[in-house]
Amino acid sequence: MPIISIVIGVILLLILMMVLKLNAFISLIIASLLVGVLEGMSPADAMASVQSGLGSSLGSLTMVIIFGAVLGKLMTDSGGAYRIANTMLKVFGKKRVQLASVITASIVGIALFFETGVVILVPLVFTIAVAAGVPILYIGIPVITALITMHGFVPPHPGPTAIAEIFGANIGQVVIWGVIIAIPAIIIAGPLFTKLFKKEDLEVEIPKGLFTTKQFEEHELPGFGASIFTAILPVILIALKSVVELATPNSPIRPFTDFIGTSSTALLISVIVAMFTFGISRGKNMKEIMNSFAEATAGIALILLIIAGGGAFKQVLLDSGIDEYIAGLMEGTTLSPILLVWVIGAVLRVALGSATVAGMTAAGIALPIVAVTGASPELMTLAAGAGSVGFSHVNDAGFWIVKEYFNMSMGKTFKTWTVLTSIVSIIGLIGILVLDMFI
């Protein structure tokens, strides 16, 4: 039975990654080949399918991931993120410092990968918390909640963008619905969650070295308007495409908005704008800007490989005919496809650790369900993302990043980080199910 092949493939994936500590890319390729052979494909055909999956995944996502990383790097090096955080603090004041931090992290999180956002914002968390006289985690928990939620729900982040590609979802709609769902998830898992702790439970010692980041002088910083505009420009362009598409599908400007609202084009435009707002206008020459470009791209090779491996696994499932078998199983079922893909993503997240691998694998397994049930590709994308972002524990790199940056014990990391990611995942699912009743 094809379902047995999938189970064997996933078990092998777990063994390779968790027991043998093999790299996720190599593990995905080996598991993909095994599933293909188990389903009757010749080894040569299985390898051809893997190569096809690698090419199709990288072909559609390479520019998105590279330009997203470059945009984040330029914003970091210029002090743009620092400007946004400091301005928010001044505007909202110390009494509303938590709200200011959440809004800052949500905005910055649109353009930055989770790990990059943590590296940038955690030193600012310490600075803000000390200045406001509040416990570190009172600011830290909402900030990392906003970062991980945007990372899991909103393109152009790699996970939701890759899942949207698999389901053939409209990226603009995924952005709009993703932001809507992210808001209650961030509020509940962030500021409201901190109210469950005693003040002393939110205190941690600041790790040595995290206050040694570059201190920008006022004259060195880009303006707040330029910083925030550049940070959210990709989302503005992608959302504009979707709005025109929905409101005026026959508009003469639609070819133009379709072009600038494509993820890769939107990020390319944003990077070009960032070269000026975060580079040339700040007195940097092109060589310095290109150094930031090189440093940003050097750090995303593994992300590209993992996404390519996930695409290979998905392609083997399709080429071997497993998708048709799963489609047959779903005929006449009363089980919600949104709930199903969320459960698959959550189980894989617990087992594998990587949210990107879990989300893409869940999407590949659940892809036939969309055609059979007529489920919204956009909501299926968000459901896979919601499932894959929760229940983080020791096999997730994010768990260790948060633990070390906030200098927490294992127990405290479970009580804070693991619980908040689980809340984000569950609240996200509830929001998606609510949206499903109206769209």
Protein backbone atom coordinates (compact mmCIF):
# COMPACT_ATOMS: atom_id res chain seq x y z
CA MET A 1 0.00 0.00 0.00
CA PRO A 2 1.33 3.46 -0.89
CA ILE A 3 0.62 4.77 2.60
CA ILE A 4 3.09 2.21 3.96
CA SER A 5 5.74 3.59 1.61
CA ILE A 6 5.17 7.08 2.99
CA VAL A 7 5.37 5.82 6.57
CA ILE A 8 8.60 3.93 5.84
CA GLY A 9 10.03 7.01 4.11
CA VAL A 10 9.16 9.30 7.02
CA ILE A 11 10.54 6.80 9.57
CA LEU A 12 13.77 6.59 7.60
CA LEU A 13 13.87 10.39 7.52
CA LEU A 14 13.53 10.47 11.30
CA ILE A 15 16.24 7.86 11.81
CA LEU A 16 18.67 9.59 9.48
CA MET A 17 18.14 13.03 11.04
CA MET A 18 17.53 12.23 14.71
CA VAL A 19 19.58 9.07 15.31
CA LEU A 20 22.38 9.31 12.76
CA LYS A 21 22.40 13.14 12.83
CA LEU A 22 22.56 13.29 9.06
CA ASN A 23 22.04 16.61 7.30
CA ALA A 24 18.37 17.29 6.38
CA PHE A 25 19.14 17.64 2.66
CA ILE A 26 20.94 14.29 2.39
CA SER A 27 18.23 12.64 4.52
CA LEU A 28 15.45 13.97 2.29
CA ILE A 29 17.18 12.76 -0.88
CA ILE A 30 17.72 9.25 0.52
CA ALA A 31 14.14 9.05 1.83
CA SER A 32 12.79 10.30 -1.49
CA LEU A 33 14.70 7.64 -3.44
CA LEU A 34 13.50 4.89 -1.10
CA VAL A 35 9.84 5.92 -1.38
CA GLY A 36 10.12 6.02 -5.17
CA VAL A 37 11.65 2.53 -5.35
CA LEU A 38 9.09 1.12 -2.88
CA GLU A 39 6.36 2.44 -5.14
CA GLY A 40 7.69 0.57 -8.16
CA MET A 41 9.86 3.22 -9.78
CA SER A 42 13.24 2.10 -11.09
CA PRO A 43 16.23 3.63 -9.27
CA ALA A 44 16.98 5.69 -12.38
CA ASP A 45 13.39 6.99 -12.58
CA ALA A 46 13.40 7.75 -8.85
CA MET A 47 16.60 9.78 -9.24
CA ALA A 48 15.14 11.60 -12.25
CA SER A 49 12.10 12.48 -10.16
CA VAL A 50 14.35 13.75 -7.36
CA GLN A 51 16.29 15.91 -9.80
CA SER A 52 13.06 17.29 -11.23
CA GLY A 53 11.85 18.18 -7.76
CA LEU A 54 15.14 19.84 -6.88
CA GLY A 55 15.06 21.99 -9.99
CA SER A 56 11.42 23.03 -9.75
CA SER A 57 11.72 24.02 -6.08
CA LEU A 58 14.90 26.03 -6.48
CA GLY A 59 13.73 27.56 -9.73
CA SER A 60 10.75 29.22 -8.09
CA LEU A 61 12.20 30.06 -4.69
CA THR A 62 15.89 30.87 -5.10
CA MET A 63 15.37 34.56 -5.84
CA VAL A 64 12.81 34.94 -3.05
CA ILE A 65 15.12 33.49 -0.40
CA ILE A 66 18.27 35.27 -1.60
CA PHE A 67 16.65 38.68 -1.94
CA GLY A 68 14.88 38.24 1.40
CA ALA A 69 18.19 37.51 3.12
CA VAL A 70 19.88 40.48 1.43
CA LEU A 71 17.07 42.84 2.43
CA GLY A 72 17.41 41.74 6.05
CA LYS A 73 21.18 42.11 5.99
CA LEU A 74 21.06 45.62 4.54
CA MET A 75 18.50 46.63 7.16
CA THR A 76 20.73 45.24 9.91
CA ASP A 77 24.02 46.73 8.75
CA SER A 78 22.54 50.19 8.21
CA GLY A 79 20.84 50.41 11.61
CA GLY A 80 17.38 50.42 10.04
CA ALA A 81 16.07 47.80 12.48
CA TYR A 82 17.65 49.73 15.35
CA ARG A 83 15.90 52.92 14.19
CA ILE A 84 12.49 51.19 14.04
CA ALA A 85 12.86 49.76 17.55
CA ASN A 86 14.05 53.00 19.15
CA THR A 87 11.37 55.10 17.47
CA MET A 88 8.64 52.72 18.60
CA LEU A 89 9.92 52.94 22.17
CA LYS A 90 9.88 56.73 22.11
CA VAL A 91 6.40 56.90 20.59
CA PHE A 92 4.74 54.40 22.92
CA GLY A 93 6.69 55.27 26.07
CA LYS A 94 7.89 53.01 28.85
CA LYS A 95 4.39 52.11 30.04
CA ARG A 96 3.58 50.57 26.68
CA VAL A 97 7.03 49.20 26.04
CA GLN A 98 5.73 45.67 25.49
CA LEU A 99 3.32 46.82 22.78
CA ALA A 100 6.07 48.80 21.10
CA SER A 101 8.33 45.75 21.12
CA VAL A 102 5.63 43.52 19.60
CA ILE A 103 4.91 45.96 16.79
CA THR A 104 8.63 46.39 16.11
CA ALA A 105 9.26 42.64 15.97
CA SER A 106 6.21 42.10 13.74
CA ILE A 107 7.38 44.73 11.26
CA VAL A 108 11.02 43.69 11.29
CA GLY A 109 9.94 40.03 11.20
CA ILE A 110 8.32 40.53 7.81
CA ALA A 111 11.72 41.01 6.19
CA LEU A 112 13.94 38.82 8.38
CA PHE A 113 14.34 35.09 8.88
CA PHE A 114 13.59 34.04 12.47
CA GLU A 115 17.22 33.38 13.37
CA THR A 116 18.31 36.71 11.90
CA GLY A 117 15.53 38.53 13.72
CA VAL A 118 16.61 37.02 17.03
CA VAL A 119 20.22 38.03 16.47
CA ILE A 120 19.16 41.59 15.64
CA LEU A 121 16.44 42.18 18.20
CA VAL A 122 17.56 40.30 21.33
CA PRO A 123 20.30 42.86 22.17
CA LEU A 124 17.65 45.56 21.71
CA VAL A 125 15.32 43.58 23.99
CA PHE A 126 17.94 43.75 26.73
CA THR A 127 18.50 47.46 26.16
CA ILE A 128 14.78 48.28 26.20
CA ALA A 129 14.02 46.08 29.21
CA VAL A 130 16.81 47.59 31.30
CA ALA A 131 15.85 51.14 30.29
CA ALA A 132 12.18 50.51 31.12
CA GLY A 133 12.94 48.64 34.34
CA VAL A 134 11.01 45.50 33.40
CA PRO A 135 12.02 41.80 33.37
CA ILE A 136 13.91 40.65 30.28
CA LEU A 137 11.37 37.99 29.27
CA TYR A 138 8.49 40.47 29.69
CA ILE A 139 9.84 41.97 26.47
CA GLY A 140 11.60 38.89 25.12
CA ILE A 141 8.63 36.50 24.97
CA PRO A 142 6.41 38.82 22.88
CA VAL A 143 9.32 39.63 20.56
CA ILE A 144 10.23 36.02 19.76
CA THR A 145 6.51 35.21 19.46
CA ALA A 146 6.10 37.88 16.79
CA LEU A 147 9.21 36.71 14.95
CA ILE A 148 8.28 33.00 14.86
CA THR A 149 4.66 33.74 13.93
CA MET A 150 5.60 35.93 10.97
CA HIS A 151 8.22 33.35 9.99
CA GLY A 152 5.61 30.58 9.90
CA PHE A 153 2.60 32.37 8.43
CA VAL A 154 3.63 35.20 6.14
CA PRO A 155 5.51 35.11 2.80
CA PRO A 156 8.13 35.96 1.67
CA HIS A 157 9.52 33.76 4.45
CA PRO A 158 10.84 30.47 2.98
CA GLY A 159 8.41 28.10 4.72
CA PRO A 160 5.04 29.62 3.79
CA THR A 161 6.34 30.67 0.37
CA ALA A 162 7.51 27.13 -0.43
CA ILE A 163 4.26 25.61 0.86
CA ALA A 164 2.24 28.10 -1.22
CA GLU A 165 4.19 27.03 -4.30
CA ILE A 166 3.34 23.37 -3.64
CA PHE A 167 -0.38 24.07 -3.22
CA GLY A 168 -0.45 26.59 -6.08
CA ALA A 169 -1.81 29.22 -3.69
CA ASN A 170 -2.13 32.92 -4.42
CA ILE A 171 0.80 34.49 -2.55
CA GLY A 172 -0.96 37.81 -2.10
CA GLN A 173 -3.95 36.18 -0.43
CA VAL A 174 -1.64 34.08 1.76
CA VAL A 175 0.04 37.31 2.90
CA ILE A 176 -3.30 38.99 3.72
CA TRP A 177 -4.85 36.00 5.50
CA GLY A 178 -1.53 35.20 7.15
CA VAL A 179 -1.24 38.66 8.71
CA ILE A 180 -4.88 38.51 9.88
CA ILE A 181 -4.30 35.15 11.58
CA ALA A 182 -0.92 36.20 12.95
CA ILE A 183 -2.33 39.15 14.95
CA PRO A 184 -4.39 37.17 17.51
CA ALA A 185 -1.72 34.45 17.66
CA ILE A 186 0.96 37.03 18.54
CA ILE A 187 -1.23 38.78 21.13
CA ILE A 188 -2.26 35.57 22.91
CA ALA A 189 1.11 33.78 22.80
CA GLY A 190 3.04 36.99 23.54
CA PRO A 191 1.74 39.71 25.86
CA LEU A 192 -1.14 37.67 27.31
CA PHE A 193 1.08 34.63 27.88
CA THR A 194 3.54 36.69 29.94
CA LYS A 195 0.73 37.52 32.40
CA LEU A 196 0.73 33.88 33.51
CA PHE A 197 4.23 34.25 34.97
CA LYS A 198 5.35 35.82 38.20
CA LYS A 199 7.73 38.74 37.79
CA GLU A 200 10.70 36.74 39.09
CA ASP A 201 10.01 33.97 36.55
CA LEU A 202 10.52 36.47 33.75
CA GLU A 203 13.95 37.51 34.98
CA VAL A 204 17.08 36.13 33.33
CA GLU A 205 20.71 37.17 33.42
CA ILE A 206 21.91 38.92 30.32
CA PRO A 207 24.55 36.77 28.58
CA LYS A 208 27.94 38.37 28.28
CA GLY A 209 28.77 39.84 24.91
CA LEU A 210 25.31 40.73 23.71
CA PHE A 211 25.73 44.39 24.52
CA THR A 212 28.81 44.64 22.36
CA THR A 213 26.84 45.00 19.13
CA LYS A 214 27.47 48.14 17.16
CA GLN A 215 26.09 51.24 18.80
CA PHE A 216 24.80 53.61 16.15
CA GLU A 217 25.08 57.35 16.53
CA GLU A 218 21.96 59.32 15.65
CA HIS A 219 23.51 60.75 12.48
CA GLU A 220 24.43 57.24 11.29
CA LEU A 221 20.85 55.93 11.33
CA PRO A 222 18.47 56.04 8.37
CA GLY A 223 15.17 57.83 8.93
CA PHE A 224 12.24 56.00 10.52
CA GLY A 225 9.99 56.51 7.50
CA ALA A 226 12.59 55.16 5.09
CA SER A 227 13.38 52.23 7.38
CA ILE A 228 9.82 51.06 7.94
CA PHE A 229 8.83 51.66 4.30
CA THR A 230 11.73 49.58 3.04
CA ALA A 231 11.04 46.80 5.56
CA ILE A 232 7.40 46.34 4.55
CA LEU A 233 7.73 47.21 0.83
CA PRO A 234 7.65 43.53 -0.26
CA VAL A 235 4.36 42.99 1.56
CA ILE A 236 2.91 46.21 0.11
CA LEU A 237 3.72 45.13 -3.45
CA ILE A 238 2.48 41.56 -2.99
CA ALA A 239 -0.73 42.74 -1.31
CA LEU A 240 -1.31 45.34 -4.05
CA LYS A 241 -1.27 42.60 -6.66
CA SER A 242 -3.86 40.63 -4.73
CA VAL A 243 -6.11 43.64 -4.13
CA VAL A 244 -6.16 44.59 -7.82
CA GLU A 245 -6.73 40.97 -8.78
CA LEU A 246 -9.74 40.67 -6.46
CA ALA A 247 -11.25 44.15 -6.80
CA THR A 248 -10.68 44.99 -10.47
CA PRO A 249 -9.62 41.82 -12.33
CA ASN A 250 -10.01 43.50 -15.74
CA SER A 251 -8.13 46.66 -14.81
CA PRO A 252 -5.58 47.87 -17.40
CA ILE A 253 -2.99 48.15 -14.62
CA ARG A 254 -3.28 44.49 -13.73
CA PRO A 255 -0.38 43.30 -15.94
CA PHE A 256 1.82 45.81 -14.11
CA THR A 257 0.62 44.86 -10.61
CA ASP A 258 0.90 41.16 -11.50
CA PHE A 259 4.55 41.78 -12.36
CA ILE A 260 5.59 43.89 -9.38
CA GLY A 261 3.49 41.78 -6.98
CA THR A 262 5.22 38.50 -7.79
CA SER A 263 7.30 37.49 -4.77
CA SER A 264 10.65 37.50 -6.57
CA THR A 265 9.96 40.81 -8.32
CA ALA A 266 8.67 42.45 -5.13
CA LEU A 267 11.80 41.45 -3.24
CA LEU A 268 14.09 42.48 -6.10
CA ILE A 269 12.48 45.93 -6.13
CA SER A 270 12.77 46.11 -2.34
CA VAL A 271 16.46 45.19 -2.43
CA ILE A 272 17.11 47.88 -5.04
CA VAL A 273 15.27 50.42 -2.87
CA ALA A 274 17.21 49.18 0.20
CA MET A 275 20.51 49.68 -1.62
CA PHE A 276 19.62 53.37 -1.72
CA THR A 277 17.79 53.88 1.59
CA PHE A 278 20.15 51.69 3.63
CA GLY A 279 23.27 52.14 1.53
CA ILE A 280 23.96 54.94 -0.91
CA SER A 281 21.95 57.55 1.02
CA ARG A 282 23.94 56.62 4.15
CA GLY A 283 27.27 57.29 2.43
CA LYS A 284 28.11 53.68 1.56
CA ASN A 285 29.72 52.82 -1.75
CA MET A 286 28.65 49.96 -3.96
CA LYS A 287 31.52 47.74 -2.81
CA GLU A 288 30.30 47.94 0.81
CA ILE A 289 26.73 47.21 -0.27
CA MET A 290 27.88 44.19 -2.27
CA ASN A 291 29.83 42.94 0.76
CA SER A 292 26.53 42.84 2.64
CA PHE A 293 25.04 40.99 -0.32
CA ALA A 294 27.80 38.39 -0.24
CA GLU A 295 27.56 37.88 3.52
CA ALA A 296 23.78 37.46 3.33
CA THR A 297 23.86 34.89 0.54
CA ALA A 298 26.64 32.89 2.21
CA GLY A 299 24.40 32.15 5.17
CA ILE A 300 21.39 30.74 3.31
CA ALA A 301 22.93 27.84 1.38
CA LEU A 302 21.58 25.27 3.85
CA ILE A 303 18.08 26.77 3.71
CA LEU A 304 18.10 26.46 -0.07
CA LEU A 305 19.28 22.85 0.13
CA ILE A 306 16.60 21.86 2.64
CA ILE A 307 13.87 23.44 0.54
CA ALA A 308 15.22 21.69 -2.54
CA GLY A 309 15.21 18.38 -0.66
CA GLY A 310 11.63 18.95 0.42
CA GLY A 311 10.72 19.63 -3.20
CA ALA A 312 12.37 16.36 -4.23
CA PHE A 313 10.33 14.41 -1.67
CA LYS A 314 7.15 16.06 -2.92
CA GLN A 315 7.97 15.28 -6.57
CA VAL A 316 8.55 11.60 -5.85
CA LEU A 317 5.17 11.41 -4.12
CA LEU A 318 3.59 12.86 -7.25
CA ASP A 319 5.53 10.87 -9.86
CA SER A 320 5.05 7.55 -8.08
CA GLY A 321 1.27 7.95 -8.04
CA ILE A 322 0.94 8.20 -4.27
CA ASP A 323 -1.01 11.42 -4.74
CA GLU A 324 -3.73 9.55 -6.62
CA TYR A 325 -3.93 6.95 -3.86
CA ILE A 326 -4.29 9.64 -1.18
CA ALA A 327 -6.91 11.36 -3.32
CA GLY A 328 -8.87 8.10 -3.41
CA LEU A 329 -8.71 7.80 0.36
CA MET A 330 -10.09 11.32 0.73
CA GLU A 331 -13.12 10.76 -1.51
CA GLY A 332 -16.21 11.02 0.65
CA THR A 333 -14.29 11.73 3.86
CA THR A 334 -15.79 14.11 6.40
CA LEU A 335 -12.44 14.96 7.96
CA SER A 336 -11.53 18.61 7.48
CA PRO A 337 -8.61 18.84 5.04
CA ILE A 338 -7.37 21.93 6.92
CA LEU A 339 -7.29 19.99 10.19
CA LEU A 340 -5.63 17.03 8.47
CA VAL A 341 -2.74 19.01 6.95
CA TRP A 342 -2.27 20.83 10.27
CA VAL A 343 -1.98 17.51 12.13
CA ILE A 344 0.50 16.15 9.57
CA GLY A 345 2.60 19.32 9.83
CA ALA A 346 2.50 19.27 13.64
CA VAL A 347 3.50 15.60 13.88
CA LEU A 348 6.39 16.11 11.48
CA ARG A 349 7.46 19.24 13.36
CA VAL A 350 7.67 17.30 16.63
CA ALA A 351 9.52 14.49 14.92
CA LEU A 352 11.88 16.42 12.63
CA GLY A 353 12.40 19.77 14.32
CA SER A 354 12.69 21.78 11.09
CA ALA A 355 9.54 23.82 10.47
CA THR A 356 10.42 24.22 6.78
CA VAL A 357 10.88 20.47 6.23
CA ALA A 358 7.73 19.66 8.23
CA GLY A 359 5.58 22.17 6.37
CA MET A 360 6.81 21.21 2.91
CA THR A 361 6.53 17.47 3.59
CA ALA A 362 3.00 17.92 4.95
CA ALA A 363 2.08 19.94 1.89
CA GLY A 364 3.47 17.28 -0.45
CA ILE A 365 1.50 14.55 1.32
CA ALA A 366 -1.71 16.59 1.44
CA LEU A 367 -1.50 18.12 -2.05
CA PRO A 368 -4.05 15.74 -3.64
CA ILE A 369 -6.61 16.69 -1.00
CA VAL A 370 -7.01 20.16 -2.51
CA ALA A 371 -8.19 18.79 -5.86
CA VAL A 372 -10.52 16.21 -4.30
CA THR A 373 -12.14 18.38 -1.62
CA GLY A 374 -11.93 21.82 -3.22
CA ALA A 375 -10.18 23.16 -0.13
CA SER A 376 -8.72 26.64 -0.39
CA PRO A 377 -5.02 26.37 -1.38
CA GLU A 378 -4.36 29.55 0.59
CA LEU A 379 -5.90 28.22 3.81
CA MET A 380 -4.20 24.83 3.30
CA THR A 381 -0.90 26.73 3.00
CA LEU A 382 -1.54 28.51 6.28
CA ALA A 383 -2.68 25.29 7.99
CA ALA A 384 0.53 23.49 7.00
CA GLY A 385 2.52 26.51 8.19
CA ALA A 386 0.62 26.66 11.49
CA GLY A 387 1.19 22.97 12.15
CA SER A 388 4.86 23.19 11.32
CA VAL A 389 5.63 26.18 13.53
CA GLY A 390 4.41 24.75 16.85
CA PHE A 391 5.63 22.35 19.53
CA SER A 392 9.31 23.25 19.21
CA HIS A 393 11.69 21.26 21.39
CA VAL A 394 15.27 20.01 21.52
CA ASN A 395 15.48 18.87 17.88
CA ASP A 396 14.74 22.39 16.66
CA ALA A 397 17.59 24.87 16.16
CA GLY A 398 15.24 27.67 17.23
CA PHE A 399 14.89 26.05 20.67
CA TRP A 400 18.61 26.31 21.29
CA ILE A 401 18.92 29.80 19.82
CA VAL A 402 16.24 31.11 22.19
CA LYS A 403 17.67 29.17 25.15
CA GLU A 404 21.19 30.51 24.70
CA TYR A 405 20.32 34.09 23.77
CA PHE A 406 18.07 34.44 26.80
CA ASN A 407 20.39 32.43 29.04
CA MET A 408 17.58 30.11 30.17
CA SER A 409 17.64 26.62 31.67
CA MET A 410 16.15 23.71 29.72
CA GLY A 411 13.09 23.75 31.96
CA LYS A 412 12.44 27.45 31.52
CA THR A 413 12.92 27.15 27.75
CA PHE A 414 10.24 24.44 27.63
CA LYS A 415 7.89 26.54 29.79
CA THR A 416 8.32 29.61 27.61
CA TRP A 417 9.47 28.86 24.08
CA THR A 418 7.89 25.41 23.60
CA VAL A 419 4.58 26.53 25.07
CA LEU A 420 4.40 29.78 23.12
CA THR A 421 5.08 28.05 19.78
CA SER A 422 2.34 25.56 20.63
CA ILE A 423 -0.08 28.40 21.39
CA VAL A 424 0.79 30.10 18.09
CA SER A 425 0.14 26.85 16.23
CA ILE A 426 -3.22 26.16 17.88
CA ILE A 427 -4.50 29.75 17.69
CA GLY A 428 -3.41 29.81 14.06
CA LEU A 429 -5.44 26.67 13.35
CA ILE A 430 -8.51 28.13 15.05
CA GLY A 431 -8.17 31.33 13.01
CA ILE A 432 -7.86 29.35 9.78
CA LEU A 433 -10.95 27.28 10.58
CA VAL A 434 -12.89 30.50 11.28
CA LEU A 435 -11.75 32.02 7.99
CA ASP A 436 -12.78 28.82 6.22
CA MET A 437 -16.39 29.50 7.20
CA PHE A 438 -16.39 32.85 5.37
CA ILE A 439 -14.15 32.47 2.31
